[in-house]
Structures are given as structure tokens and as C-alpha cells.
PDB file of N, CA and C in Angstrom:
ATOM      1  N   UNK A   1       2.025  -6.156  -9.182  1.00  0.00           N
ATOM      2  CA  UNK A   1       0.147  -5.509  -9.768  1.00  0.00           C
ATOM      3  C   UNK A   1       0.464  -3.862  -9.061  1.00  0.00           C
ATOM      4  N   UNK A   2       0.103  -2.850  -9.555  1.00  0.00           N
ATOM      5  CA  UNK A   2      -0.243  -1.904  -8.962  1.00  0.00           C
ATOM      6  C   UNK A   2      -1.103  -1.824  -7.888  1.00  0.00           C
ATOM      7  N   UNK A   3      -0.400  -1.399  -6.405  1.00  0.00           N
ATOM      8  CA  UNK A   3      -1.510  -1.645  -4.959  1.00  0.00           C
ATOM      9  C   UNK A   3      -0.907  -2.764  -4.851  1.00  0.00           C
ATOM     10  N   UNK A   4      -0.183  -3.716  -4.668  1.00  0.00           N
ATOM     11  CA  UNK A   4       0.051  -4.861  -4.419  1.00  0.00           C
ATOM     12  C   UNK A   4       1.411  -4.481  -3.220  1.00  0.00           C
ATOM     13  N   UNK A   5       1.200  -4.105  -2.243  1.00  0.00           N
ATOM     14  CA  UNK A   5       1.908  -3.623  -1.476  1.00  0.00           C
ATOM     15  C   UNK A   5       2.369  -4.711  -0.115  1.00  0.00           C
ATOM     16  N   UNK A   6       1.837  -5.464  -0.162  1.00  0.00           N
ATOM     17  CA  UNK A   6       2.068  -6.446   1.173  1.00  0.00           C
ATOM     18  C   UNK A   6       1.426  -8.019   0.968  1.00  0.00           C
ATOM     19  N   UNK A   7       2.175  -8.815   1.685  1.00  0.00           N
ATOM     20  CA  UNK A   7       0.849 -10.515   1.843  1.00  0.00           C
ATOM     21  C   UNK A   7       1.343 -10.350   3.221  1.00  0.00           C
ATOM     22  N   UNK A   8       1.147 -11.919   3.017  1.00  0.00           N
ATOM     23  CA  UNK A   8       1.289 -12.435   4.645  1.00  0.00           C
ATOM     24  C   UNK A   8       2.151 -12.360   5.651  1.00  0.00           C
ATOM     25  N   UNK A   9       3.124 -11.919   5.265  1.00  0.00           N
ATOM     26  CA  UNK A   9       4.357 -11.106   5.754  1.00  0.00           C
ATOM     27  C   UNK A   9       4.211  -9.187   5.013  1.00  0.00           C
ATOM     28  N   UNK A  10       3.959  -8.804   6.186  1.00  0.00           N
ATOM     29  CA  UNK A  10       3.771  -7.292   5.836  1.00  0.00           C
ATOM     30  C   UNK A  10       4.963  -6.638   5.311  1.00  0.00           C
ATOM     31  N   UNK A  11       4.711  -5.903   4.414  1.00  0.00           N
ATOM     32  CA  UNK A  11       5.284  -4.962   3.427  1.00  0.00           C
ATOM     33  C   UNK A  11       5.976  -6.377   2.739  1.00  0.00           C
ATOM     34  N   UNK A  12       5.989  -7.781   2.490  1.00  0.00           N
ATOM     35  CA  UNK A  12       6.206  -8.001   1.054  1.00  0.00           C
ATOM     36  C   UNK A  12       5.353  -8.258   0.255  1.00  0.00           C
ATOM     37  N   UNK A  13       5.390  -8.518  -0.894  1.00  0.00           N
ATOM     38  CA  UNK A  13       4.229  -8.409  -1.991  1.00  0.00           C
ATOM     39  C   UNK A  13       4.043  -9.883  -2.425  1.00  0.00           C
ATOM     40  N   UNK A  14       3.191 -10.093  -2.672  1.00  0.00           N
ATOM     41  CA  UNK A  14       2.373 -11.987  -2.640  1.00  0.00           C
ATOM     42  C   UNK A  14       1.705 -12.048  -4.437  1.00  0.00           C
ATOM     43  N   UNK A  15       1.486 -10.592  -4.867  1.00  0.00           N
ATOM     44  CA  UNK A  15       1.405 -10.964  -6.413  1.00  0.00           C
ATOM     45  C   UNK A  15       0.271 -10.508  -6.520  1.00  0.00           C
ATOM     46  N   UNK A  16      -0.786  -9.794  -5.232  1.00  0.00           N
ATOM     47  CA  UNK A  16      -2.329 -10.278  -6.017  1.00  0.00           C
ATOM     48  C   UNK A  16      -3.125  -8.485  -4.650  1.00  0.00           C
ATOM     49  N   UNK A  17      -3.615  -7.773  -5.329  1.00  0.00           N
ATOM     50  CA  UNK A  17      -3.861  -6.793  -4.553  1.00  0.00           C
ATOM     51  C   UNK A  17      -5.456  -7.634  -3.642  1.00  0.00           C
ATOM     52  N   UNK A  18      -5.460  -7.367  -2.505  1.00  0.00           N
ATOM     53  CA  UNK A  18      -6.490  -7.897  -1.544  1.00  0.00           C
ATOM     54  C   UNK A  18      -6.368  -6.996  -0.458  1.00  0.00           C
ATOM     55  N   UNK A  19      -7.357  -7.846   0.731  1.00  0.00           N
ATOM     56  CA  UNK A  19      -7.476  -6.735   2.210  1.00  0.00           C
ATOM     57  C   UNK A  19      -6.279  -6.745   2.752  1.00  0.00           C
ATOM     58  N   UNK A  20      -5.527  -7.636   2.922  1.00  0.00           N
ATOM     59  CA  UNK A  20      -3.822  -7.770   3.897  1.00  0.00           C
ATOM     60  C   UNK A  20      -2.935  -6.243   2.516  1.00  0.00           C
ATOM     61  N   UNK A  21      -3.305  -6.012   1.893  1.00  0.00           N
ATOM     62  CA  UNK A  21      -2.548  -4.964   1.137  1.00  0.00           C
ATOM     63  C   UNK A  21      -3.443  -3.483   1.701  1.00  0.00           C
ATOM     64  N   UNK A  22      -4.139  -3.291   1.779  1.00  0.00           N
ATOM     65  CA  UNK A  22      -6.013  -2.911   2.144  1.00  0.00           C
ATOM     66  C   UNK A  22      -5.292  -2.060   3.764  1.00  0.00           C
ATOM     67  N   UNK A  23      -4.765  -3.672   4.368  1.00  0.00           N
ATOM     68  CA  UNK A  23      -4.740  -3.208   6.058  1.00  0.00           C
ATOM     69  C   UNK A  23      -3.095  -2.479   6.311  1.00  0.00           C
ATOM     70  N   UNK A  24      -2.627  -2.975   5.159  1.00  0.00           N
ATOM     71  CA  UNK A  24      -0.882  -2.812   5.898  1.00  0.00           C
ATOM     72  C   UNK A  24      -1.034  -0.998   5.089  1.00  0.00           C
ATOM     73  N   UNK A  25      -2.000  -0.606   4.420  1.00  0.00           N
ATOM     74  CA  UNK A  25      -1.747   0.601   4.148  1.00  0.00           C
ATOM     75  C   UNK A  25      -2.665   1.743   4.875  1.00  0.00           C
ATOM     76  N   UNK A  26      -3.538   0.958   5.425  1.00  0.00           N
ATOM     77  CA  UNK A  26      -4.065   1.888   6.850  1.00  0.00           C
ATOM     78  C   UNK A  26      -3.173   1.707   7.878  1.00  0.00           C
ATOM     79  N   UNK A  27      -2.270   0.888   8.273  1.00  0.00           N
ATOM     80  CA  UNK A  27      -1.367   0.640   9.006  1.00  0.00           C
ATOM     81  C   UNK A  27      -0.289   1.842   9.151  1.00  0.00           C
ATOM     82  N   UNK A  28      -0.073   2.436   7.703  1.00  0.00           N
ATOM     83  CA  UNK A  28       0.954   3.395   7.287  1.00  0.00           C
ATOM     84  C   UNK A  28       0.230   4.949   7.257  1.00  0.00           C
ATOM     85  N   UNK A  29      -1.286   4.525   7.438  1.00  0.00           N
ATOM     86  CA  UNK A  29      -2.040   5.845   7.021  1.00  0.00           C
ATOM     87  C   UNK A  29      -1.218   7.183   7.777  1.00  0.00           C
ATOM     88  N   UNK A  30      -1.197   8.291   7.263  1.00  0.00           N
ATOM     89  CA  UNK A  30      -0.502   9.544   7.162  1.00  0.00           C
ATOM     90  C   UNK A  30       1.124   9.564   7.448  1.00  0.00           C
ATOM     91  N   UNK A  31       1.460   8.335   7.375  1.00  0.00           N
ATOM     92  CA  UNK A  31       3.568   8.259   7.546  1.00  0.00           C
ATOM     93  C   UNK A  31       3.449   9.215   6.078  1.00  0.00           C
ATOM     94  N   UNK A  32       4.567  10.209   6.982  1.00  0.00           N
ATOM     95  CA  UNK A  32       4.787  10.629   5.345  1.00  0.00           C
ATOM     96  C   UNK A  32       6.678  10.777   4.893  1.00  0.00           C
ATOM     97  N   UNK A  33       7.344  10.895   3.836  1.00  0.00           N
ATOM     98  CA  UNK A  33       8.764  11.016   3.685  1.00  0.00           C
ATOM     99  C   UNK A  33       9.365  11.342   4.897  1.00  0.00           C
ATOM    100  N   UNK A  34      10.087  10.985   5.190  1.00  0.00           N
ATOM    101  CA  UNK A  34      11.113  11.243   6.498  1.00  0.00           C
ATOM    102  C   UNK A  34      11.103  10.591   7.691  1.00  0.00           C
ATOM    103  N   UNK A  35       9.286  10.043   8.071  1.00  0.00           N
ATOM    104  CA  UNK A  35       8.962   9.218   9.155  1.00  0.00           C
ATOM    105  C   UNK A  35       9.424   8.094   8.694  1.00  0.00           C
ATOM    106  N   UNK A  36      10.115   7.304  10.008  1.00  0.00           N
ATOM    107  CA  UNK A  36      11.194   6.235  10.100  1.00  0.00           C
ATOM    108  C   UNK A  36       9.665   4.825   9.448  1.00  0.00           C
ATOM    109  N   UNK A  37       8.729   5.140   9.965  1.00  0.00           N
ATOM    110  CA  UNK A  37       7.878   3.824   9.243  1.00  0.00           C
ATOM    111  C   UNK A  37       7.448   4.039   7.671  1.00  0.00           C
ATOM    112  N   UNK A  38       7.691   5.134   7.263  1.00  0.00           N
ATOM    113  CA  UNK A  38       7.335   5.444   6.041  1.00  0.00           C
ATOM    114  C   UNK A  38       8.063   4.502   5.267  1.00  0.00           C
ATOM    115  N   UNK A  39       7.037   3.968   4.336  1.00  0.00           N
ATOM    116  CA  UNK A  39       7.479   2.704   3.248  1.00  0.00           C
ATOM    117  C   UNK A  39       7.405   3.146   1.751  1.00  0.00           C
ATOM    118  N   UNK A  40       7.611   3.829   1.253  1.00  0.00           N
ATOM    119  CA  UNK A  40       7.708   4.302   0.099  1.00  0.00           C
ATOM    120  C   UNK A  40       7.192   3.406  -0.962  1.00  0.00           C
ATOM    121  N   UNK A  41       6.822   2.222  -0.873  1.00  0.00           N
ATOM    122  CA  UNK A  41       6.630   1.531  -1.882  1.00  0.00           C
ATOM    123  C   UNK A  41       5.132   1.313  -1.530  1.00  0.00           C
ATOM    124  N   UNK A  42       4.587   2.059  -0.275  1.00  0.00           N
ATOM    125  CA  UNK A  42       3.452   1.494   0.077  1.00  0.00           C
ATOM    126  C   UNK A  42       2.676   3.249  -0.853  1.00  0.00           C
ATOM    127  N   UNK A  43       3.644   4.217  -0.767  1.00  0.00           N
ATOM    128  CA  UNK A  43       2.801   5.370  -1.536  1.00  0.00           C
ATOM    129  C   UNK A  43       2.904   5.184  -2.875  1.00  0.00           C
ATOM    130  N   UNK A  44       1.793   4.882  -3.377  1.00  0.00           N
ATOM    131  CA  UNK A  44       1.508   4.258  -4.665  1.00  0.00           C
ATOM    132  C   UNK A  44       1.737   6.109  -5.556  1.00  0.00           C
ATOM    133  N   UNK A  45       1.201   6.744  -5.395  1.00  0.00           N
ATOM    134  CA  UNK A  45       0.720   7.736  -5.889  1.00  0.00           C
ATOM    135  C   UNK A  45       2.140   8.467  -5.725  1.00  0.00           C
ATOM    136  N   UNK A  46       3.346   8.503  -5.176  1.00  0.00           N
ATOM    137  CA  UNK A  46       4.700   9.074  -5.244  1.00  0.00           C
ATOM    138  C   UNK A  46       4.259  10.486  -4.955  1.00  0.00           C
ATOM    139  N   UNK A  47       3.231  10.899  -4.310  1.00  0.00           N
ATOM    140  CA  UNK A  47       3.228  12.232  -3.044  1.00  0.00           C
ATOM    141  C   UNK A  47       3.623  12.714  -1.822  1.00  0.00           C
ATOM    142  N   UNK A  48       4.443  11.608  -1.077  1.00  0.00           N
ATOM    143  CA  UNK A  48       5.572  11.678  -0.194  1.00  0.00           C
ATOM    144  C   UNK A  48       4.632  11.273   0.800  1.00  0.00           C
ATOM    145  N   UNK A  49       3.426  10.733   0.834  1.00  0.00           N
ATOM    146  CA  UNK A  49       2.244  11.463   1.925  1.00  0.00           C
ATOM    147  C   UNK A  49       1.162   9.403   1.681  1.00  0.00           C
ATOM    148  N   UNK A  50       1.793   8.374   2.571  1.00  0.00           N
ATOM    149  CA  UNK A  50       0.318   7.638   2.662  1.00  0.00           C
ATOM    150  C   UNK A  50      -0.788   7.893   3.240  1.00  0.00           C
ATOM    151  N   UNK A  51      -2.259   7.851   2.101  1.00  0.00           N
ATOM    152  CA  UNK A  51      -3.766   8.559   2.253  1.00  0.00           C
ATOM    153  C   UNK A  51      -4.237   7.692   1.405  1.00  0.00           C
ATOM    154  N   UNK A  52      -5.552   8.235   1.890  1.00  0.00           N
ATOM    155  CA  UNK A  52      -6.586   7.698   1.424  1.00  0.00           C
ATOM    156  C   UNK A  52      -6.380   7.515  -0.311  1.00  0.00           C
ATOM    157  N   UNK A  53      -6.088   8.734  -1.047  1.00  0.00           N
ATOM    158  CA  UNK A  53      -5.002   8.531  -2.084  1.00  0.00           C
ATOM    159  C   UNK A  53      -4.743   7.001  -3.009  1.00  0.00           C
ATOM    160  N   UNK A  54      -3.768   6.636  -2.079  1.00  0.00           N
ATOM    161  CA  UNK A  54      -3.251   5.758  -1.852  1.00  0.00           C
ATOM    162  C   UNK A  54      -3.998   4.206  -1.461  1.00  0.00           C
ATOM    163  N   UNK A  55      -4.897   4.471  -0.695  1.00  0.00           N
ATOM    164  CA  UNK A  55      -5.665   3.121  -0.434  1.00  0.00           C
ATOM    165  C   UNK A  55      -7.054   2.946  -1.533  1.00  0.00           C
ATOM    166  N   UNK A  56      -7.567   4.525  -2.373  1.00  0.00           N
ATOM    167  CA  UNK A  56      -7.974   4.615  -3.072  1.00  0.00           C
ATOM    168  C   UNK A  56      -7.363   3.486  -4.330  1.00  0.00           C
ATOM    169  N   UNK A  57      -6.313   4.022  -4.913  1.00  0.00           N
ATOM    170  CA  UNK A  57      -5.469   2.871  -6.170  1.00  0.00           C
ATOM    171  C   UNK A  57      -5.593   1.543  -5.431  1.00  0.00           C
ATOM    172  N   UNK A  58      -5.368   0.916  -4.226  1.00  0.00           N
ATOM    173  CA  UNK A  58      -5.423   0.024  -3.958  1.00  0.00           C
ATOM    174  C   UNK A  58      -7.073  -0.795  -4.546  1.00  0.00           C
ATOM    175  N   UNK A  59      -7.730  -0.291  -3.821  1.00  0.00           N
ATOM    176  CA  UNK A  59      -9.363  -0.495  -3.916  1.00  0.00           C
ATOM    177  C   UNK A  59      -9.633  -0.622  -5.397  1.00  0.00           C
ATOM    178  N   UNK A  60      -9.264  -0.017  -6.118  1.00  0.00           N
ATOM    179  CA  UNK A  60      -9.210   0.094  -8.058  1.00  0.00           C
ATOM    180  C   UNK A  60      -8.846  -1.291  -8.516  1.00  0.00           C
ATOM    181  N   UNK A  61      -7.807  -1.580  -7.155  1.00  0.00           N
ATOM    182  CA  UNK A  61      -7.019  -2.435  -7.973  1.00  0.00           C
ATOM    183  C   UNK A  61      -7.460  -4.304  -7.714  1.00  0.00           C
ATOM    184  N   UNK A  62      -7.931  -3.943  -6.700  1.00  0.00           N
ATOM    185  CA  UNK A  62      -8.779  -4.990  -5.869  1.00  0.00           C
ATOM    186  C   UNK A  62      -9.083  -6.311  -6.465  1.00  0.00           C
ATOM    187  N   UNK A  63      -8.352  -7.237  -6.395  1.00  0.00           N
ATOM    188  CA  UNK A  63      -8.796  -8.729  -6.804  1.00  0.00           C
ATOM    189  C   UNK A  63      -7.510  -9.003  -8.039  1.00  0.00           C
ATOM    190  N   UNK A  64      -7.202  -7.936  -8.717  1.00  0.00           N
ATOM    191  CA  UNK A  64      -5.927  -8.001  -9.548  1.00  0.00           C
ATOM    192  C   UNK A  64      -5.321  -8.730  -9.022  1.00  0.00           C
ATOM    193  N   UNK A  65      -4.110  -9.633  -9.840  1.00  0.00           N
ATOM    194  CA  UNK A  65      -3.070 -10.378  -9.349  1.00  0.00           C
ATOM    195  C   UNK A  65      -1.963 -10.707 -10.528  1.00  0.00           C
ATOM    196  N   UNK A  66      -0.729 -11.161 -10.466  1.00  0.00           N
ATOM    197  CA  UNK A  66       0.080 -10.479 -11.566  1.00  0.00           C
ATOM    198  C   UNK A  66      -0.183 -12.752 -12.319  1.00  0.00           C
TER     199      UNK A  66
END
């Protein structure tokens, strides 16, 4: 599901977009490609930075599941 970036284990997909995903995105907020904490799977719009645009994508898809 687009926006599913985390689950009970951070960074591991669980098949649903929920607060765990929003929380994980906020933990990575402003991480950029090249930063050791950057997770390209959390960069939902592929602009090389995790920011409000990525969080917005997750919010739009909130509660969607596989």
C-alpha cells in the first residue's frame, strides 16, 4: 500500500497505512539522501528528502490496506 513505510517494527511494512507510518516519517523528517538515517522507502515522492510532502501522501492513504 502506498504510504505503508512501517509497522510494529520500524521500517518494516505491515500492509496498512496508520499512525505507525506517520510516526516513522516524522522520525525521519528532513533526512536527505546521503544521510545515514535516510530510508529511500520512506521518501514516497522520490525527491530525495523526507518531508511534509511524504507525510501528506501517507495521510491521503491513511487506513488503506492490502
